[in-house]
Amino acid sequence: MSTEHTGGHGGPGPRPGAGWSAVVYGRTYRIDRWWRALPGGATPGGPLGRTVLALVAGGTRLDVAPRFVLYRGEQGVLVGVACQVPLLGPEMAHDEHGRPLYGFVGWHHPDRAAAHDLPGLGELEASFPVWAGDTYRAWAAPVWDVALEADAVTLVSTPAAAPWEGRGRPPRPPAPRPAVGRPPPHP
């Protein structure tokens, strides 16, 4: 399970790994707009925050289908999903009035060159309830029922291994090698 490491609530720390930081945005039981986790140096108004907010689009049409992002750009790599939270499991999925919540759960790597083995869209679609659900519950649980935004602070997520790594994901085949003694083909 991918979890936070803040030292504040005694939750388990991150799995050792390669620099992926959690990004969690959504709603809680009582708070309508809420940033829970951002990588160090990222802000809600910065490029990463604006990307997440655009993807979430205020929850518009997330009742129809989740939206996925596989983005590699100047700010690094962002992999994640905007969806209605009941797709991630029944825990912490509805507000105080019984309405389904929506949000974004993803992972960011600051070095676009270092993050080269991303899951494909098919893999994300098939596995997001597990990795996004685990991440969402780990970050949301400590402040799930707070009533004031000041009590649901945004935390800096600690880099860890990506949640899709080592989750029964079949190994990708190695790239084909040219036959020995033959020159590589010309395009």
N, C-alpha and C. Protein backbone atom coordinates (compact mmCIF):
# COMPACT_ATOMS: atom_id res chain seq x y z
N MET A 1 0.85 -1.17 0.00
CA MET A 1 0.00 0.00 0.00
C MET A 1 0.89 1.22 0.00
N SER A 2 0.59 2.16 -0.84
CA SER A 2 1.33 3.41 -0.91
C SER A 2 0.80 4.34 0.15
N THR A 3 1.69 4.85 0.98
CA THR A 3 1.23 5.67 2.09
C THR A 3 2.08 6.91 2.24
N GLU A 4 1.59 7.81 3.04
CA GLU A 4 2.32 9.03 3.31
C GLU A 4 3.39 8.79 4.36
N HIS A 5 4.28 9.73 4.47
CA HIS A 5 5.28 9.70 5.52
C HIS A 5 5.45 11.14 5.98
N THR A 6 4.74 11.48 7.02
CA THR A 6 4.82 12.85 7.50
C THR A 6 5.32 12.93 8.92
N GLY A 7 5.28 11.82 9.62
CA GLY A 7 5.67 11.84 11.02
C GLY A 7 4.57 12.40 11.90
N GLY A 8 3.49 12.90 11.32
CA GLY A 8 2.46 13.56 12.10
C GLY A 8 1.40 12.64 12.66
N HIS A 9 1.07 11.57 11.97
CA HIS A 9 -0.03 10.75 12.45
C HIS A 9 0.36 9.31 12.69
N GLY A 10 1.63 8.97 12.55
CA GLY A 10 2.08 7.63 12.89
C GLY A 10 1.81 6.60 11.82
N GLY A 11 1.46 7.00 10.62
CA GLY A 11 1.20 6.05 9.54
C GLY A 11 2.50 5.45 9.05
N PRO A 12 2.41 4.35 8.34
CA PRO A 12 3.62 3.73 7.82
C PRO A 12 4.28 4.62 6.78
N GLY A 13 5.57 4.47 6.64
CA GLY A 13 6.32 5.29 5.70
C GLY A 13 6.25 4.74 4.29
N PRO A 14 6.87 5.44 3.37
CA PRO A 14 6.83 5.03 1.98
C PRO A 14 7.68 3.80 1.74
N ARG A 15 7.36 3.10 0.69
CA ARG A 15 8.21 2.00 0.26
C ARG A 15 9.47 2.60 -0.33
N PRO A 16 10.61 1.95 -0.17
CA PRO A 16 11.82 2.50 -0.76
C PRO A 16 11.68 2.52 -2.27
N GLY A 17 12.22 3.53 -2.90
CA GLY A 17 12.08 3.55 -4.34
C GLY A 17 12.54 4.83 -4.97
N ALA A 18 12.00 5.05 -6.11
CA ALA A 18 12.56 6.01 -7.03
C ALA A 18 11.79 7.30 -7.19
N GLY A 19 11.61 8.08 -6.20
CA GLY A 19 11.21 9.46 -6.34
C GLY A 19 9.81 9.83 -6.79
N TRP A 20 8.82 8.98 -6.68
CA TRP A 20 7.45 9.33 -7.01
C TRP A 20 6.78 9.89 -5.78
N SER A 21 6.15 11.06 -5.90
CA SER A 21 5.48 11.71 -4.77
C SER A 21 3.97 11.73 -5.02
N ALA A 22 3.21 11.44 -3.97
CA ALA A 22 1.75 11.41 -4.08
C ALA A 22 1.19 12.81 -4.32
N VAL A 23 0.11 12.86 -5.09
CA VAL A 23 -0.66 14.08 -5.33
C VAL A 23 -2.11 13.70 -5.06
N VAL A 24 -2.71 14.30 -4.03
CA VAL A 24 -4.08 13.95 -3.66
C VAL A 24 -4.89 15.23 -3.49
N TYR A 25 -5.99 15.31 -4.24
CA TYR A 25 -6.89 16.46 -4.19
C TYR A 25 -8.32 15.93 -4.22
N GLY A 26 -9.21 16.61 -3.52
CA GLY A 26 -10.60 16.20 -3.60
C GLY A 26 -11.47 16.90 -2.59
N ARG A 27 -12.38 16.13 -2.02
CA ARG A 27 -13.30 16.63 -1.02
C ARG A 27 -13.25 15.67 0.16
N THR A 28 -13.59 16.18 1.33
CA THR A 28 -13.70 15.32 2.50
C THR A 28 -15.16 15.28 2.92
N TYR A 29 -15.39 14.67 4.04
CA TYR A 29 -16.74 14.53 4.58
C TYR A 29 -17.43 15.89 4.69
N ARG A 30 -16.67 16.92 5.08
CA ARG A 30 -17.27 18.25 5.28
C ARG A 30 -16.61 19.38 4.48
N ILE A 31 -15.47 19.16 3.89
CA ILE A 31 -14.74 20.22 3.20
C ILE A 31 -14.83 20.00 1.69
N ASP A 32 -15.26 21.03 0.98
CA ASP A 32 -15.51 20.87 -0.45
C ASP A 32 -14.27 20.84 -1.34
N ARG A 33 -13.30 21.69 -1.09
CA ARG A 33 -12.09 21.71 -1.91
C ARG A 33 -10.90 21.52 -0.99
N TRP A 34 -10.06 20.53 -1.32
CA TRP A 34 -9.07 20.13 -0.35
C TRP A 34 -7.85 19.51 -1.02
N TRP A 35 -6.69 20.11 -0.80
CA TRP A 35 -5.42 19.54 -1.22
C TRP A 35 -4.85 18.79 -0.04
N ARG A 36 -4.58 17.53 -0.18
CA ARG A 36 -4.02 16.76 0.93
C ARG A 36 -2.53 16.50 0.74
N ALA A 37 -2.10 16.19 -0.49
CA ALA A 37 -0.70 15.85 -0.71
C ALA A 37 -0.19 16.49 -1.99
N LEU A 38 0.96 17.13 -1.88
CA LEU A 38 1.66 17.68 -3.02
C LEU A 38 3.15 17.43 -2.83
N PRO A 39 3.90 17.23 -3.92
CA PRO A 39 5.35 17.07 -3.80
C PRO A 39 5.98 18.36 -3.30
N GLY A 40 7.16 18.24 -2.71
CA GLY A 40 7.89 19.41 -2.26
C GLY A 40 8.07 20.41 -3.38
N GLY A 41 7.82 21.68 -3.11
CA GLY A 41 7.97 22.74 -4.09
C GLY A 41 6.74 22.98 -4.95
N ALA A 42 5.79 22.06 -4.97
CA ALA A 42 4.57 22.25 -5.76
C ALA A 42 3.55 23.03 -4.94
N THR A 43 2.73 23.81 -5.64
CA THR A 43 1.67 24.57 -4.98
C THR A 43 0.37 24.36 -5.73
N PRO A 44 -0.78 24.58 -5.07
CA PRO A 44 -2.05 24.46 -5.77
C PRO A 44 -2.17 25.37 -6.99
N GLY A 45 -1.51 26.54 -6.96
CA GLY A 45 -1.58 27.47 -8.09
C GLY A 45 -0.48 27.29 -9.12
N GLY A 46 0.44 26.37 -8.86
CA GLY A 46 1.54 26.13 -9.80
C GLY A 46 1.11 25.22 -10.94
N PRO A 47 2.05 24.89 -11.84
CA PRO A 47 1.71 24.07 -13.00
C PRO A 47 1.10 22.71 -12.64
N LEU A 48 1.64 22.04 -11.64
CA LEU A 48 1.09 20.75 -11.24
C LEU A 48 -0.32 20.91 -10.68
N GLY A 49 -0.51 21.87 -9.80
CA GLY A 49 -1.83 22.10 -9.22
C GLY A 49 -2.86 22.48 -10.26
N ARG A 50 -2.48 23.34 -11.19
CA ARG A 50 -3.41 23.73 -12.25
C ARG A 50 -3.77 22.56 -13.16
N THR A 51 -2.80 21.69 -13.41
CA THR A 51 -3.07 20.50 -14.23
C THR A 51 -4.09 19.60 -13.55
N VAL A 52 -3.90 19.38 -12.26
CA VAL A 52 -4.84 18.53 -11.51
C VAL A 52 -6.23 19.15 -11.49
N LEU A 53 -6.32 20.43 -11.21
CA LEU A 53 -7.63 21.10 -11.17
C LEU A 53 -8.32 21.05 -12.54
N ALA A 54 -7.57 21.18 -13.61
CA ALA A 54 -8.17 21.09 -14.94
C ALA A 54 -8.69 19.68 -15.21
N LEU A 55 -7.96 18.69 -14.77
CA LEU A 55 -8.37 17.31 -14.96
C LEU A 55 -9.63 16.99 -14.15
N VAL A 56 -9.69 17.48 -12.93
CA VAL A 56 -10.85 17.24 -12.07
C VAL A 56 -12.07 18.01 -12.58
N ALA A 57 -11.85 19.22 -13.06
CA ALA A 57 -12.91 20.06 -13.64
C ALA A 57 -14.13 20.17 -12.73
N GLY A 58 -13.88 20.33 -11.43
CA GLY A 58 -14.98 20.50 -10.49
C GLY A 58 -15.90 19.29 -10.39
N GLY A 59 -15.43 18.14 -10.82
CA GLY A 59 -16.22 16.91 -10.76
C GLY A 59 -17.12 16.71 -11.97
N THR A 60 -17.08 17.64 -12.92
CA THR A 60 -17.95 17.57 -14.09
C THR A 60 -17.73 16.26 -14.85
N ARG A 61 -18.82 15.55 -15.04
CA ARG A 61 -18.88 14.29 -15.80
C ARG A 61 -18.03 13.16 -15.24
N LEU A 62 -17.53 13.30 -14.04
CA LEU A 62 -16.83 12.17 -13.43
C LEU A 62 -17.79 11.06 -13.04
N ASP A 63 -19.10 11.36 -13.03
CA ASP A 63 -20.08 10.31 -12.79
C ASP A 63 -20.21 9.41 -14.02
N VAL A 64 -19.75 9.87 -15.17
CA VAL A 64 -19.82 9.09 -16.40
C VAL A 64 -18.61 8.15 -16.51
N ALA A 65 -17.43 8.68 -16.25
CA ALA A 65 -16.20 7.88 -16.36
C ALA A 65 -15.05 8.63 -15.71
N PRO A 66 -14.06 7.90 -15.22
CA PRO A 66 -12.86 8.56 -14.69
C PRO A 66 -12.04 9.15 -15.84
N ARG A 67 -11.18 10.12 -15.49
CA ARG A 67 -10.25 10.70 -16.45
C ARG A 67 -8.83 10.40 -15.98
N PHE A 68 -8.01 9.95 -16.91
CA PHE A 68 -6.63 9.58 -16.59
C PHE A 68 -5.67 10.59 -17.18
N VAL A 69 -4.51 10.69 -16.55
CA VAL A 69 -3.46 11.55 -17.07
C VAL A 69 -2.15 10.77 -17.06
N LEU A 70 -1.47 10.82 -18.19
CA LEU A 70 -0.10 10.33 -18.35
C LEU A 70 0.63 11.49 -19.01
N TYR A 71 1.27 12.31 -18.21
CA TYR A 71 1.85 13.55 -18.71
C TYR A 71 3.35 13.57 -18.45
N ARG A 72 4.10 13.91 -19.47
CA ARG A 72 5.54 14.12 -19.33
C ARG A 72 5.85 15.48 -19.92
N GLY A 73 6.34 16.40 -19.09
CA GLY A 73 6.62 17.74 -19.57
C GLY A 73 7.76 18.37 -18.79
N GLU A 74 7.87 19.68 -18.91
CA GLU A 74 8.95 20.42 -18.27
C GLU A 74 8.97 20.24 -16.76
N GLN A 75 7.80 20.06 -16.15
CA GLN A 75 7.71 19.94 -14.69
C GLN A 75 7.92 18.52 -14.20
N GLY A 76 8.14 17.56 -15.10
CA GLY A 76 8.33 16.17 -14.72
C GLY A 76 7.24 15.30 -15.31
N VAL A 77 6.89 14.25 -14.58
CA VAL A 77 5.92 13.27 -15.04
C VAL A 77 4.78 13.19 -14.04
N LEU A 78 3.56 13.18 -14.53
CA LEU A 78 2.37 13.04 -13.68
C LEU A 78 1.55 11.89 -14.21
N VAL A 79 1.23 10.95 -13.33
CA VAL A 79 0.39 9.81 -13.64
C VAL A 79 -0.73 9.80 -12.61
N GLY A 80 -1.99 9.71 -13.05
CA GLY A 80 -3.05 9.69 -12.07
C GLY A 80 -4.43 9.58 -12.67
N VAL A 81 -5.42 9.70 -11.77
CA VAL A 81 -6.81 9.57 -12.17
C VAL A 81 -7.67 10.57 -11.40
N ALA A 82 -8.60 11.20 -12.12
CA ALA A 82 -9.67 11.99 -11.51
C ALA A 82 -10.91 11.11 -11.62
N CYS A 83 -11.60 10.93 -10.50
CA CYS A 83 -12.75 10.02 -10.53
C CYS A 83 -13.67 10.31 -9.35
N GLN A 84 -14.83 9.66 -9.38
CA GLN A 84 -15.67 9.66 -8.20
C GLN A 84 -15.07 8.66 -7.22
N VAL A 85 -14.97 9.06 -5.98
CA VAL A 85 -14.27 8.26 -4.97
C VAL A 85 -14.92 6.90 -4.72
N PRO A 86 -16.23 6.70 -4.86
CA PRO A 86 -16.77 5.35 -4.67
C PRO A 86 -16.12 4.30 -5.57
N LEU A 87 -15.52 4.71 -6.68
CA LEU A 87 -14.81 3.75 -7.53
C LEU A 87 -13.56 3.21 -6.84
N LEU A 88 -13.07 3.93 -5.83
CA LEU A 88 -11.88 3.51 -5.10
C LEU A 88 -12.20 2.65 -3.89
N GLY A 89 -13.47 2.51 -3.59
CA GLY A 89 -13.91 1.71 -2.45
C GLY A 89 -14.93 2.46 -1.63
N PRO A 90 -15.64 1.76 -0.76
CA PRO A 90 -16.73 2.39 -0.02
C PRO A 90 -16.29 3.30 1.12
N GLU A 91 -15.06 3.16 1.59
CA GLU A 91 -14.59 3.98 2.71
C GLU A 91 -14.35 5.41 2.25
N MET A 92 -14.80 6.37 3.02
CA MET A 92 -14.56 7.79 2.78
C MET A 92 -14.96 8.20 1.36
N ALA A 93 -16.10 7.73 0.90
CA ALA A 93 -16.52 7.94 -0.47
C ALA A 93 -17.68 8.92 -0.63
N HIS A 94 -18.33 9.32 0.49
CA HIS A 94 -19.49 10.20 0.41
C HIS A 94 -19.36 11.32 1.43
N ASP A 95 -19.97 12.47 1.11
CA ASP A 95 -19.92 13.59 2.04
C ASP A 95 -20.99 13.44 3.12
N GLU A 96 -21.08 14.43 3.98
CA GLU A 96 -22.02 14.36 5.11
C GLU A 96 -23.48 14.31 4.68
N HIS A 97 -23.76 14.63 3.42
CA HIS A 97 -25.12 14.59 2.90
C HIS A 97 -25.37 13.35 2.05
N GLY A 98 -24.38 12.44 1.98
CA GLY A 98 -24.53 11.20 1.23
C GLY A 98 -24.18 11.31 -0.25
N ARG A 99 -23.68 12.47 -0.68
CA ARG A 99 -23.31 12.63 -2.09
C ARG A 99 -21.95 11.98 -2.35
N PRO A 100 -21.79 11.33 -3.50
CA PRO A 100 -20.47 10.76 -3.82
C PRO A 100 -19.44 11.86 -4.00
N LEU A 101 -18.28 11.63 -3.46
CA LEU A 101 -17.18 12.58 -3.58
C LEU A 101 -16.41 12.34 -4.87
N TYR A 102 -15.65 13.32 -5.29
CA TYR A 102 -14.76 13.17 -6.43
C TYR A 102 -13.40 13.68 -6.02
N GLY A 103 -12.39 13.32 -6.79
CA GLY A 103 -11.06 13.81 -6.48
C GLY A 103 -10.04 13.33 -7.49
N PHE A 104 -8.80 13.58 -7.15
CA PHE A 104 -7.67 13.17 -7.98
C PHE A 104 -6.66 12.45 -7.09
N VAL A 105 -6.16 11.34 -7.59
CA VAL A 105 -5.07 10.63 -6.93
C VAL A 105 -4.03 10.34 -8.00
N GLY A 106 -2.82 10.76 -7.74
CA GLY A 106 -1.78 10.52 -8.72
C GLY A 106 -0.41 10.55 -8.10
N TRP A 107 0.56 10.42 -8.96
CA TRP A 107 1.96 10.40 -8.54
C TRP A 107 2.76 11.25 -9.51
N HIS A 108 3.69 12.00 -8.95
CA HIS A 108 4.52 12.91 -9.73
C HIS A 108 5.99 12.56 -9.53
N HIS A 109 6.73 12.60 -10.62
CA HIS A 109 8.19 12.43 -10.58
C HIS A 109 8.79 13.69 -11.18
N PRO A 110 9.73 14.34 -10.49
CA PRO A 110 10.24 15.62 -10.98
C PRO A 110 11.16 15.51 -12.20
N ASP A 111 11.72 14.34 -12.45
CA ASP A 111 12.67 14.19 -13.55
C ASP A 111 12.01 13.43 -14.69
N ARG A 112 11.66 14.14 -15.73
CA ARG A 112 10.97 13.49 -16.84
C ARG A 112 11.80 12.42 -17.52
N ALA A 113 13.10 12.51 -17.44
CA ALA A 113 13.96 11.50 -18.06
C ALA A 113 14.08 10.25 -17.18
N ALA A 114 13.97 10.42 -15.87
CA ALA A 114 14.15 9.27 -14.98
C ALA A 114 12.94 8.36 -14.97
N ALA A 115 11.78 8.88 -15.26
CA ALA A 115 10.55 8.09 -15.21
C ALA A 115 10.22 7.58 -16.61
N HIS A 116 10.85 6.48 -16.99
CA HIS A 116 10.70 6.01 -18.36
C HIS A 116 9.84 4.76 -18.49
N ASP A 117 9.52 4.09 -17.42
CA ASP A 117 8.78 2.83 -17.49
C ASP A 117 7.35 3.02 -16.95
N LEU A 118 6.60 3.90 -17.59
CA LEU A 118 5.26 4.21 -17.13
C LEU A 118 4.28 3.11 -17.52
N PRO A 119 3.22 2.94 -16.71
CA PRO A 119 2.19 1.99 -17.13
C PRO A 119 1.43 2.55 -18.32
N GLY A 120 0.89 1.67 -19.13
CA GLY A 120 0.06 2.11 -20.25
C GLY A 120 -1.33 2.49 -19.76
N LEU A 121 -2.10 3.13 -20.62
CA LEU A 121 -3.44 3.54 -20.26
C LEU A 121 -4.29 2.33 -19.86
N GLY A 122 -4.17 1.23 -20.57
CA GLY A 122 -4.92 0.02 -20.23
C GLY A 122 -4.60 -0.47 -18.84
N GLU A 123 -3.32 -0.42 -18.48
CA GLU A 123 -2.91 -0.83 -17.13
C GLU A 123 -3.50 0.10 -16.07
N LEU A 124 -3.47 1.40 -16.34
CA LEU A 124 -4.03 2.36 -15.39
C LEU A 124 -5.52 2.14 -15.20
N GLU A 125 -6.23 1.97 -16.30
CA GLU A 125 -7.68 1.76 -16.23
C GLU A 125 -8.02 0.51 -15.43
N ALA A 126 -7.25 -0.54 -15.61
CA ALA A 126 -7.55 -1.80 -14.93
C ALA A 126 -7.17 -1.80 -13.45
N SER A 127 -6.12 -1.06 -13.10
CA SER A 127 -5.59 -1.18 -11.74
C SER A 127 -5.83 0.02 -10.84
N PHE A 128 -6.38 1.12 -11.36
CA PHE A 128 -6.47 2.33 -10.53
C PHE A 128 -7.29 2.14 -9.26
N PRO A 129 -8.36 1.34 -9.23
CA PRO A 129 -9.08 1.22 -7.95
C PRO A 129 -8.19 0.73 -6.81
N VAL A 130 -7.19 -0.07 -7.13
CA VAL A 130 -6.29 -0.58 -6.09
C VAL A 130 -5.27 0.47 -5.69
N TRP A 131 -4.43 0.92 -6.63
CA TRP A 131 -3.35 1.83 -6.22
C TRP A 131 -3.87 3.20 -5.85
N ALA A 132 -4.86 3.72 -6.57
CA ALA A 132 -5.41 5.03 -6.20
C ALA A 132 -6.22 4.92 -4.91
N GLY A 133 -6.93 3.82 -4.74
CA GLY A 133 -7.71 3.62 -3.51
C GLY A 133 -6.83 3.54 -2.28
N ASP A 134 -5.75 2.78 -2.37
CA ASP A 134 -4.82 2.67 -1.24
C ASP A 134 -4.22 4.04 -0.90
N THR A 135 -3.80 4.77 -1.94
CA THR A 135 -3.19 6.08 -1.73
C THR A 135 -4.20 7.06 -1.13
N TYR A 136 -5.41 7.08 -1.67
CA TYR A 136 -6.45 7.99 -1.18
C TYR A 136 -6.75 7.72 0.30
N ARG A 137 -6.97 6.46 0.64
CA ARG A 137 -7.31 6.13 2.04
C ARG A 137 -6.16 6.48 2.99
N ALA A 138 -4.94 6.23 2.58
CA ALA A 138 -3.80 6.53 3.45
C ALA A 138 -3.69 8.02 3.75
N TRP A 139 -3.94 8.86 2.76
CA TRP A 139 -3.80 10.29 2.95
C TRP A 139 -5.04 10.93 3.55
N ALA A 140 -6.22 10.42 3.21
CA ALA A 140 -7.46 11.04 3.67
C ALA A 140 -7.85 10.64 5.09
N ALA A 141 -7.55 9.43 5.49
CA ALA A 141 -8.02 8.93 6.79
C ALA A 141 -7.67 9.82 7.98
N PRO A 142 -6.45 10.35 8.08
CA PRO A 142 -6.12 11.14 9.28
C PRO A 142 -6.95 12.40 9.47
N VAL A 143 -7.54 12.94 8.40
CA VAL A 143 -8.31 14.18 8.52
C VAL A 143 -9.70 14.05 7.94
N TRP A 144 -10.18 12.85 7.79
CA TRP A 144 -11.43 12.62 7.09
C TRP A 144 -12.60 13.42 7.66
N ASP A 145 -12.73 13.48 8.96
CA ASP A 145 -13.93 14.11 9.53
C ASP A 145 -13.68 15.48 10.16
N VAL A 146 -12.57 16.14 9.81
CA VAL A 146 -12.37 17.49 10.34
C VAL A 146 -13.39 18.44 9.72
N ALA A 147 -13.72 19.48 10.45
CA ALA A 147 -14.77 20.40 9.99
C ALA A 147 -14.22 21.68 9.37
N LEU A 148 -12.98 22.03 9.68
CA LEU A 148 -12.41 23.29 9.20
C LEU A 148 -11.27 23.03 8.23
N GLU A 149 -11.21 23.82 7.17
CA GLU A 149 -10.13 23.67 6.19
C GLU A 149 -8.76 23.81 6.84
N ALA A 150 -8.65 24.65 7.84
CA ALA A 150 -7.35 24.84 8.51
C ALA A 150 -6.86 23.56 9.17
N ASP A 151 -7.77 22.65 9.49
CA ASP A 151 -7.38 21.39 10.13
C ASP A 151 -7.03 20.31 9.11
N ALA A 152 -7.34 20.51 7.86
CA ALA A 152 -7.03 19.55 6.80
C ALA A 152 -5.90 20.13 5.95
N VAL A 153 -4.75 20.24 6.55
CA VAL A 153 -3.62 20.89 5.89
C VAL A 153 -3.09 20.05 4.73
N THR A 154 -2.50 20.74 3.78
CA THR A 154 -1.81 20.07 2.68
C THR A 154 -0.45 19.63 3.18
N LEU A 155 -0.10 18.39 2.93
CA LEU A 155 1.18 17.87 3.37
C LEU A 155 2.11 17.67 2.18
N VAL A 156 3.39 17.73 2.44
CA VAL A 156 4.39 17.45 1.42
C VAL A 156 4.56 15.94 1.38
N SER A 157 4.37 15.36 0.21
CA SER A 157 4.52 13.91 0.08
C SER A 157 5.99 13.56 -0.13
N THR A 158 6.38 12.50 0.52
CA THR A 158 7.75 12.02 0.46
C THR A 158 7.94 11.11 -0.75
N PRO A 159 8.97 11.30 -1.54
CA PRO A 159 9.19 10.42 -2.69
C PRO A 159 9.31 8.95 -2.27
N ALA A 160 8.72 8.09 -3.07
CA ALA A 160 8.70 6.66 -2.80
C ALA A 160 8.62 5.91 -4.13
N ALA A 161 8.53 4.61 -4.05
CA ALA A 161 8.33 3.80 -5.25
C ALA A 161 6.92 4.04 -5.78
N ALA A 162 6.77 3.99 -7.08
CA ALA A 162 5.45 4.15 -7.69
C ALA A 162 4.54 3.01 -7.25
N PRO A 163 3.26 3.29 -7.01
CA PRO A 163 2.38 2.26 -6.49
C PRO A 163 2.09 1.14 -7.48
N TRP A 164 2.27 1.38 -8.77
CA TRP A 164 2.01 0.33 -9.74
C TRP A 164 3.21 -0.60 -9.91
N GLU A 165 4.36 -0.24 -9.36
CA GLU A 165 5.54 -1.09 -9.46
C GLU A 165 5.40 -2.26 -8.49
N GLY A 166 5.62 -3.45 -8.96
CA GLY A 166 5.61 -4.63 -8.11
C GLY A 166 4.22 -5.05 -7.67
N ARG A 167 3.17 -4.65 -8.35
CA ARG A 167 1.80 -5.01 -7.99
C ARG A 167 1.26 -6.05 -8.93
N GLY A 168 2.00 -7.09 -9.17
CA GLY A 168 1.51 -8.10 -10.07
C GLY A 168 1.55 -7.65 -11.53
N ARG A 169 2.21 -6.56 -11.76
CA ARG A 169 2.33 -6.07 -13.13
C ARG A 169 3.28 -6.99 -13.88
N PRO A 170 2.86 -7.54 -14.99
CA PRO A 170 3.76 -8.44 -15.71
C PRO A 170 4.98 -7.69 -16.21
N PRO A 171 6.13 -8.33 -16.16
CA PRO A 171 7.33 -7.64 -16.65
C PRO A 171 7.20 -7.37 -18.14
N ARG A 172 7.71 -6.22 -18.52
CA ARG A 172 7.67 -5.88 -19.94
C ARG A 172 8.80 -6.62 -20.65
N PRO A 173 8.54 -7.08 -21.85
CA PRO A 173 9.60 -7.79 -22.56
C PRO A 173 10.73 -6.83 -22.91
N PRO A 174 11.96 -7.35 -22.95
CA PRO A 174 13.07 -6.47 -23.33
C PRO A 174 12.91 -6.03 -24.78
N ALA A 175 13.51 -4.90 -25.08
CA ALA A 175 13.48 -4.39 -26.45
C ALA A 175 14.20 -5.37 -27.36
N PRO A 176 13.69 -5.59 -28.56
CA PRO A 176 14.36 -6.53 -29.47
C PRO A 176 15.75 -6.03 -29.83
N ARG A 177 16.66 -6.98 -29.95
CA ARG A 177 18.03 -6.64 -30.32
C ARG A 177 18.27 -7.07 -31.76
N PRO A 178 19.09 -6.31 -32.46
CA PRO A 178 19.38 -6.73 -33.84
C PRO A 178 20.16 -8.04 -33.84
N ALA A 179 19.95 -8.83 -34.88
CA ALA A 179 20.65 -10.11 -34.99
C ALA A 179 22.15 -9.84 -35.10
N VAL A 180 22.93 -10.75 -34.53
CA VAL A 180 24.38 -10.61 -34.56
C VAL A 180 24.87 -10.73 -36.01
N GLY A 181 25.79 -9.88 -36.39
CA GLY A 181 26.38 -9.93 -37.71
C GLY A 181 25.58 -9.24 -38.78
N ARG A 182 24.42 -8.69 -38.43
CA ARG A 182 23.62 -7.98 -39.41
C ARG A 182 23.57 -6.51 -39.03
N PRO A 183 23.72 -5.64 -40.01
CA PRO A 183 23.63 -4.22 -39.68
C PRO A 183 22.18 -3.86 -39.34
N PRO A 184 22.00 -2.83 -38.52
CA PRO A 184 20.63 -2.43 -38.18
C PRO A 184 19.91 -1.93 -39.43
N PRO A 185 18.60 -2.15 -39.52
CA PRO A 185 17.88 -1.68 -40.71
C PRO A 185 17.83 -0.16 -40.79
N HIS A 186 17.75 0.35 -42.00
CA HIS A 186 17.63 1.78 -42.22
C HIS A 186 16.16 2.17 -42.21
N PRO A 187 15.83 3.33 -41.67
CA PRO A 187 14.40 3.74 -41.70
C PRO A 187 13.96 4.07 -43.10
